[in-house]
Amino acid sequence: MRNLQAKCIQEAIQRITTENTTLKQRVRQLTTDNRTLDERLKAARSTLRFQDRRTADLEAQITDPSQGVQQ
């Protein structure tokens, strides 16, 4: 009886250890993915700010052509 209990306990420990390792790997992967997405988001926001400024410059030129190109 005790051998059976010990075997069940050892199997449970092994299963939990394997699950824990798998979850740790998943956390690392999700952390990496999150960093990548955060970098992409920052780049997209930067591009959008540049495009907004360019649009505003072009609108100003249309409104007042005497301003010319501002840089």
PDB file of N, CA and C in Angstrom:
ATOM      1  N   MET A   1       0.821  -1.187   0.000  1.00  0.00           N
ATOM      2  CA  MET A   1       0.000   0.000   0.000  1.00  0.00           C
ATOM      3  C   MET A   1       0.872   1.260   0.000  1.00  0.00           C
ATOM      4  N   ARG A   2       1.897   1.256   0.862  1.00  0.00           N
ATOM      5  CA  ARG A   2       2.771   2.420   0.926  1.00  0.00           C
ATOM      6  C   ARG A   2       3.560   2.599  -0.368  1.00  0.00           C
ATOM      7  N   ASN A   3       3.933   1.494  -0.979  1.00  0.00           N
ATOM      8  CA  ASN A   3       4.640   1.581  -2.262  1.00  0.00           C
ATOM      9  C   ASN A   3       3.761   2.237  -3.318  1.00  0.00           C
ATOM     10  N   LEU A   4       2.504   1.894  -3.306  1.00  0.00           N
ATOM     11  CA  LEU A   4       1.558   2.472  -4.259  1.00  0.00           C
ATOM     12  C   LEU A   4       1.399   3.963  -4.006  1.00  0.00           C
ATOM     13  N   GLN A   5       1.277   4.348  -2.755  1.00  0.00           N
ATOM     14  CA  GLN A   5       1.170   5.766  -2.412  1.00  0.00           C
ATOM     15  C   GLN A   5       2.442   6.520  -2.803  1.00  0.00           C
ATOM     16  N   ALA A   6       3.588   5.939  -2.517  1.00  0.00           N
ATOM     17  CA  ALA A   6       4.868   6.578  -2.858  1.00  0.00           C
ATOM     18  C   ALA A   6       4.990   6.731  -4.359  1.00  0.00           C
ATOM     19  N   LYS A   7       4.561   5.722  -5.099  1.00  0.00           N
ATOM     20  CA  LYS A   7       4.615   5.784  -6.564  1.00  0.00           C
ATOM     21  C   LYS A   7       3.700   6.892  -7.084  1.00  0.00           C
ATOM     22  N   CYS A   8       2.494   6.991  -6.522  1.00  0.00           N
ATOM     23  CA  CYS A   8       1.551   8.036  -6.924  1.00  0.00           C
ATOM     24  C   CYS A   8       2.108   9.415  -6.603  1.00  0.00           C
ATOM     25  N   ILE A   9       2.735   9.551  -5.450  1.00  0.00           N
ATOM     26  CA  ILE A   9       3.314  10.832  -5.051  1.00  0.00           C
ATOM     27  C   ILE A   9       4.449  11.202  -6.003  1.00  0.00           C
ATOM     28  N   GLN A  10       5.302  10.250  -6.315  1.00  0.00           N
ATOM     29  CA  GLN A  10       6.415  10.508  -7.227  1.00  0.00           C
ATOM     30  C   GLN A  10       5.917  10.899  -8.618  1.00  0.00           C
ATOM     31  N   GLU A  11       4.865  10.233  -9.091  1.00  0.00           N
ATOM     32  CA  GLU A  11       4.282  10.577 -10.391  1.00  0.00           C
ATOM     33  C   GLU A  11       3.689  11.983 -10.365  1.00  0.00           C
ATOM     34  N   ALA A  12       3.029  12.332  -9.275  1.00  0.00           N
ATOM     35  CA  ALA A  12       2.448  13.667  -9.141  1.00  0.00           C
ATOM     36  C   ALA A  12       3.553  14.721  -9.113  1.00  0.00           C
ATOM     37  N   ILE A  13       4.617  14.448  -8.379  1.00  0.00           N
ATOM     38  CA  ILE A  13       5.748  15.383  -8.323  1.00  0.00           C
ATOM     39  C   ILE A  13       6.341  15.571  -9.713  1.00  0.00           C
ATOM     40  N   GLN A  14       6.525  14.481 -10.441  1.00  0.00           N
ATOM     41  CA  GLN A  14       7.085  14.565 -11.787  1.00  0.00           C
ATOM     42  C   GLN A  14       6.170  15.359 -12.714  1.00  0.00           C
ATOM     43  N   ARG A  15       4.871  15.106 -12.633  1.00  0.00           N
ATOM     44  CA  ARG A  15       3.904  15.818 -13.473  1.00  0.00           C
ATOM     45  C   ARG A  15       3.908  17.319 -13.156  1.00  0.00           C
ATOM     46  N   ILE A  16       3.920  17.655 -11.883  1.00  0.00           N
ATOM     47  CA  ILE A  16       3.919  19.065 -11.474  1.00  0.00           C
ATOM     48  C   ILE A  16       5.217  19.745 -11.893  1.00  0.00           C
ATOM     49  N   THR A  17       6.326  19.052 -11.751  1.00  0.00           N
ATOM     50  CA  THR A  17       7.614  19.600 -12.162  1.00  0.00           C
ATOM     51  C   THR A  17       7.629  19.866 -13.663  1.00  0.00           C
ATOM     52  N   THR A  18       7.113  18.938 -14.427  1.00  0.00           N
ATOM     53  CA  THR A  18       7.047  19.108 -15.879  1.00  0.00           C
ATOM     54  C   THR A  18       6.137  20.276 -16.246  1.00  0.00           C
ATOM     55  N   GLU A  19       4.986  20.353 -15.608  1.00  0.00           N
ATOM     56  CA  GLU A  19       4.057  21.470 -15.849  1.00  0.00           C
ATOM     57  C   GLU A  19       4.704  22.806 -15.495  1.00  0.00           C
ATOM     58  N   ASN A  20       5.411  22.839 -14.377  1.00  0.00           N
ATOM     59  CA  ASN A  20       6.069  24.062 -13.930  1.00  0.00           C
ATOM     60  C   ASN A  20       7.120  24.509 -14.955  1.00  0.00           C
ATOM     61  N   THR A  21       7.908  23.565 -15.449  1.00  0.00           N
ATOM     62  CA  THR A  21       8.917  23.880 -16.465  1.00  0.00           C
ATOM     63  C   THR A  21       8.255  24.412 -17.732  1.00  0.00           C
ATOM     64  N   THR A  22       7.188  23.773 -18.151  1.00  0.00           N
ATOM     65  CA  THR A  22       6.464  24.205 -19.342  1.00  0.00           C
ATOM     66  C   THR A  22       5.898  25.613 -19.154  1.00  0.00           C
ATOM     67  N   LEU A  23       5.335  25.871 -17.997  1.00  0.00           N
ATOM     68  CA  LEU A  23       4.766  27.199 -17.724  1.00  0.00           C
ATOM     69  C   LEU A  23       5.849  28.270 -17.677  1.00  0.00           C
ATOM     70  N   LYS A  24       7.001  27.958 -17.113  1.00  0.00           N
ATOM     71  CA  LYS A  24       8.107  28.916 -17.085  1.00  0.00           C
ATOM     72  C   LYS A  24       8.572  29.250 -18.496  1.00  0.00           C
ATOM     73  N   GLN A  25       8.658  28.238 -19.350  1.00  0.00           N
ATOM     74  CA  GLN A  25       9.037  28.479 -20.751  1.00  0.00           C
ATOM     75  C   GLN A  25       8.004  29.354 -21.442  1.00  0.00           C
ATOM     76  N   ARG A  26       6.742  29.096 -21.166  1.00  0.00           N
ATOM     77  CA  ARG A  26       5.655  29.879 -21.767  1.00  0.00           C
ATOM     78  C   ARG A  26       5.716  31.338 -21.306  1.00  0.00           C
ATOM     79  N   VAL A  27       5.994  31.548 -20.031  1.00  0.00           N
ATOM     80  CA  VAL A  27       6.124  32.907 -19.496  1.00  0.00           C
ATOM     81  C   VAL A  27       7.273  33.630 -20.195  1.00  0.00           C
ATOM     82  N   ARG A  28       8.411  32.949 -20.368  1.00  0.00           N
ATOM     83  CA  ARG A  28       9.543  33.568 -21.063  1.00  0.00           C
ATOM     84  C   ARG A  28       9.174  33.938 -22.488  1.00  0.00           C
ATOM     85  N   GLN A  29       8.476  33.041 -23.181  1.00  0.00           N
ATOM     86  CA  GLN A  29       8.074  33.313 -24.565  1.00  0.00           C
ATOM     87  C   GLN A  29       7.095  34.485 -24.630  1.00  0.00           C
ATOM     88  N   LEU A  30       6.129  34.511 -23.737  1.00  0.00           N
ATOM     89  CA  LEU A  30       5.156  35.611 -23.720  1.00  0.00           C
ATOM     90  C   LEU A  30       5.823  36.939 -23.375  1.00  0.00           C
ATOM     91  N   THR A  31       6.806  36.904 -22.489  1.00  0.00           N
ATOM     92  CA  THR A  31       7.546  38.117 -22.146  1.00  0.00           C
ATOM     93  C   THR A  31       8.293  38.642 -23.361  1.00  0.00           C
ATOM     94  N   THR A  32       8.931  37.746 -24.093  1.00  0.00           N
ATOM     95  CA  THR A  32       9.644  38.131 -25.316  1.00  0.00           C
ATOM     96  C   THR A  32       8.676  38.684 -26.349  1.00  0.00           C
ATOM     97  N   ASP A  33       7.559  38.009 -26.535  1.00  0.00           N
ATOM     98  CA  ASP A  33       6.543  38.476 -27.483  1.00  0.00           C
ATOM     99  C   ASP A  33       6.020  39.860 -27.090  1.00  0.00           C
ATOM    100  N   ASN A  34       5.813  40.060 -25.795  1.00  0.00           N
ATOM    101  CA  ASN A  34       5.316  41.340 -25.305  1.00  0.00           C
ATOM    102  C   ASN A  34       6.316  42.458 -25.597  1.00  0.00           C
ATOM    103  N   ARG A  35       7.596  42.185 -25.374  1.00  0.00           N
ATOM    104  CA  ARG A  35       8.631  43.189 -25.673  1.00  0.00           C
ATOM    105  C   ARG A  35       8.644  43.536 -27.159  1.00  0.00           C
ATOM    106  N   THR A  36       8.558  42.515 -27.992  1.00  0.00           N
ATOM    107  CA  THR A  36       8.551  42.731 -29.441  1.00  0.00           C
ATOM    108  C   THR A  36       7.362  43.591 -29.854  1.00  0.00           C
ATOM    109  N   LEU A  37       6.188  43.258 -29.342  1.00  0.00           N
ATOM    110  CA  LEU A  37       4.992  44.027 -29.674  1.00  0.00           C
ATOM    111  C   LEU A  37       5.081  45.455 -29.145  1.00  0.00           C
ATOM    112  N   ASP A  38       5.668  45.625 -27.959  1.00  0.00           N
ATOM    113  CA  ASP A  38       5.831  46.958 -27.398  1.00  0.00           C
ATOM    114  C   ASP A  38       6.756  47.802 -28.285  1.00  0.00           C
ATOM    115  N   GLU A  39       7.844  47.199 -28.770  1.00  0.00           N
ATOM    116  CA  GLU A  39       8.749  47.919 -29.668  1.00  0.00           C
ATOM    117  C   GLU A  39       8.044  48.310 -30.964  1.00  0.00           C
ATOM    118  N   ARG A  40       7.249  47.401 -31.503  1.00  0.00           N
ATOM    119  CA  ARG A  40       6.504  47.702 -32.728  1.00  0.00           C
ATOM    120  C   ARG A  40       5.500  48.831 -32.507  1.00  0.00           C
ATOM    121  N   LEU A  41       4.839  48.797 -31.345  1.00  0.00           N
ATOM    122  CA  LEU A  41       3.869  49.844 -31.018  1.00  0.00           C
ATOM    123  C   LEU A  41       4.558  51.200 -30.909  1.00  0.00           C
ATOM    124  N   LYS A  42       5.708  51.240 -30.249  1.00  0.00           N
ATOM    125  CA  LYS A  42       6.451  52.500 -30.128  1.00  0.00           C
ATOM    126  C   LYS A  42       6.859  53.020 -31.501  1.00  0.00           C
ATOM    127  N   ALA A  43       7.313  52.128 -32.372  1.00  0.00           N
ATOM    128  CA  ALA A  43       7.705  52.542 -33.718  1.00  0.00           C
ATOM    129  C   ALA A  43       6.500  53.059 -34.504  1.00  0.00           C
ATOM    130  N   ALA A  44       5.373  52.387 -34.379  1.00  0.00           N
ATOM    131  CA  ALA A  44       4.161  52.822 -35.085  1.00  0.00           C
ATOM    132  C   ALA A  44       3.705  54.186 -34.585  1.00  0.00           C
ATOM    133  N   ARG A  45       3.785  54.400 -33.276  1.00  0.00           N
ATOM    134  CA  ARG A  45       3.397  55.707 -32.722  1.00  0.00           C
ATOM    135  C   ARG A  45       4.320  56.807 -33.216  1.00  0.00           C
ATOM    136  N   SER A  46       5.609  56.508 -33.298  1.00  0.00           N
ATOM    137  CA  SER A  46       6.572  57.486 -33.789  1.00  0.00           C
ATOM    138  C   SER A  46       6.283  57.839 -35.245  1.00  0.00           C
ATOM    139  N   THR A  47       6.010  56.820 -36.044  1.00  0.00           N
ATOM    140  CA  THR A  47       5.672  57.050 -37.456  1.00  0.00           C
ATOM    141  C   THR A  47       4.409  57.888 -37.571  1.00  0.00           C
ATOM    142  N   LEU A  48       3.428  57.589 -36.762  1.00  0.00           N
ATOM    143  CA  LEU A  48       2.179  58.339 -36.786  1.00  0.00           C
ATOM    144  C   LEU A  48       2.397  59.803 -36.417  1.00  0.00           C
ATOM    145  N   ARG A  49       3.226  60.059 -35.398  1.00  0.00           N
ATOM    146  CA  ARG A  49       3.521  61.447 -35.033  1.00  0.00           C
ATOM    147  C   ARG A  49       4.184  62.185 -36.194  1.00  0.00           C
ATOM    148  N   PHE A  50       5.124  61.518 -36.852  1.00  0.00           N
ATOM    149  CA  PHE A  50       5.778  62.136 -38.006  1.00  0.00           C
ATOM    150  C   PHE A  50       4.755  62.438 -39.101  1.00  0.00           C
ATOM    151  N   GLN A  51       3.889  61.486 -39.393  1.00  0.00           N
ATOM    152  CA  GLN A  51       2.879  61.679 -40.430  1.00  0.00           C
ATOM    153  C   GLN A  51       1.895  62.785 -40.053  1.00  0.00           C
ATOM    154  N   ASP A  52       1.543  62.871 -38.785  1.00  0.00           N
ATOM    155  CA  ASP A  52       0.652  63.950 -38.337  1.00  0.00           C
ATOM    156  C   ASP A  52       1.303  65.315 -38.551  1.00  0.00           C
ATOM    157  N   ARG A  53       2.588  65.423 -38.203  1.00  0.00           N
ATOM    158  CA  ARG A  53       3.287  66.698 -38.412  1.00  0.00           C
ATOM    159  C   ARG A  53       3.365  67.037 -39.895  1.00  0.00           C
ATOM    160  N   ARG A  54       3.642  66.038 -40.705  1.00  0.00           N
ATOM    161  CA  ARG A  54       3.733  66.261 -42.152  1.00  0.00           C
ATOM    162  C   ARG A  54       2.374  66.685 -42.713  1.00  0.00           C
ATOM    163  N   THR A  55       1.313  66.048 -42.276  1.00  0.00           N
ATOM    164  CA  THR A  55      -0.041  66.409 -42.712  1.00  0.00           C
ATOM    165  C   THR A  55      -0.365  67.842 -42.313  1.00  0.00           C
ATOM    166  N   ALA A  56      -0.009  68.204 -41.077  1.00  0.00           N
ATOM    167  CA  ALA A  56      -0.270  69.571 -40.615  1.00  0.00           C
ATOM    168  C   ALA A  56       0.505  70.575 -41.467  1.00  0.00           C
ATOM    169  N   ASP A  57       1.766  70.259 -41.810  1.00  0.00           N
ATOM    170  CA  ASP A  57       2.556  71.147 -42.673  1.00  0.00           C
ATOM    171  C   ASP A  57       1.912  71.303 -44.047  1.00  0.00           C
ATOM    172  N   LEU A  58       1.464  70.201 -44.598  1.00  0.00           N
ATOM    173  CA  LEU A  58       0.834  70.254 -45.924  1.00  0.00           C
ATOM    174  C   LEU A  58      -0.477  71.039 -45.878  1.00  0.00           C
ATOM    175  N   GLU A  59      -1.256  70.846 -44.814  1.00  0.00           N
ATOM    176  CA  GLU A  59      -2.505  71.610 -44.671  1.00  0.00           C
ATOM    177  C   GLU A  59      -2.211  73.097 -44.553  1.00  0.00           C
ATOM    178  N   ALA A  60      -1.147  73.441 -43.832  1.00  0.00           N
ATOM    179  CA  ALA A  60      -0.775  74.844 -43.692  1.00  0.00           C
ATOM    180  C   ALA A  60      -0.361  75.422 -45.043  1.00  0.00           C
ATOM    181  N   GLN A  61       0.332  74.629 -45.847  1.00  0.00           N
ATOM    182  CA  GLN A  61       0.742  75.099 -47.176  1.00  0.00           C
ATOM    183  C   GLN A  61      -0.458  75.323 -48.081  1.00  0.00           C
ATOM    184  N   ILE A  62      -1.438  74.446 -47.973  1.00  0.00           N
ATOM    185  CA  ILE A  62      -2.643  74.594 -48.791  1.00  0.00           C
ATOM    186  C   ILE A  62      -3.400  75.855 -48.366  1.00  0.00           C
ATOM    187  N   THR A  63      -3.474  76.069 -47.064  1.00  0.00           N
ATOM    188  CA  THR A  63      -4.183  77.226 -46.539  1.00  0.00           C
ATOM    189  C   THR A  63      -3.446  78.534 -46.870  1.00  0.00           C
ATOM    190  N   ASP A  64      -2.118  78.523 -46.746  1.00  0.00           N
ATOM    191  CA  ASP A  64      -1.316  79.711 -46.991  1.00  0.00           C
ATOM    192  C   ASP A  64      -0.089  79.333 -47.825  1.00  0.00           C
ATOM    193  N   PRO A  65      -0.241  79.301 -49.163  1.00  0.00           N
ATOM    194  CA  PRO A  65       0.846  78.852 -50.023  1.00  0.00           C
ATOM    195  C   PRO A  65       2.112  79.711 -49.897  1.00  0.00           C
ATOM    196  N   SER A  66       2.013  80.888 -49.362  1.00  0.00           N
ATOM    197  CA  SER A  66       3.197  81.749 -49.244  1.00  0.00           C
ATOM    198  C   SER A  66       4.174  81.254 -48.185  1.00  0.00           C
ATOM    199  N   GLN A  67       3.733  80.316 -47.320  1.00  0.00           N
ATOM    200  CA  GLN A  67       4.620  79.781 -46.280  1.00  0.00           C
ATOM    201  C   GLN A  67       5.731  78.916 -46.859  1.00  0.00           C
ATOM    202  N   GLY A  68       5.476  78.245 -47.948  1.00  0.00           N
ATOM    203  CA  GLY A  68       6.488  77.387 -48.561  1.00  0.00           C
ATOM    204  C   GLY A  68       6.717  76.148 -47.699  1.00  0.00           C
ATOM    205  N   VAL A  69       7.748  75.424 -48.048  1.00  0.00           N
ATOM    206  CA  VAL A  69       8.060  74.178 -47.333  1.00  0.00           C
ATOM    207  C   VAL A  69       8.834  74.523 -46.067  1.00  0.00           C
ATOM    208  N   GLN A  70       8.351  74.030 -44.938  1.00  0.00           N
ATOM    209  CA  GLN A  70       9.038  74.283 -43.653  1.00  0.00           C
ATOM    210  C   GLN A  70       9.768  73.022 -43.253  1.00  0.00           C
ATOM    211  N   GLN A  71      11.007  73.186 -42.829  1.00  0.00           N
ATOM    212  CA  GLN A  71      11.749  72.018 -42.340  1.00  0.00           C
ATOM    213  C   GLN A  71      12.484  72.355 -41.092  1.00  0.00           C
TER     214      GLN A  71
END
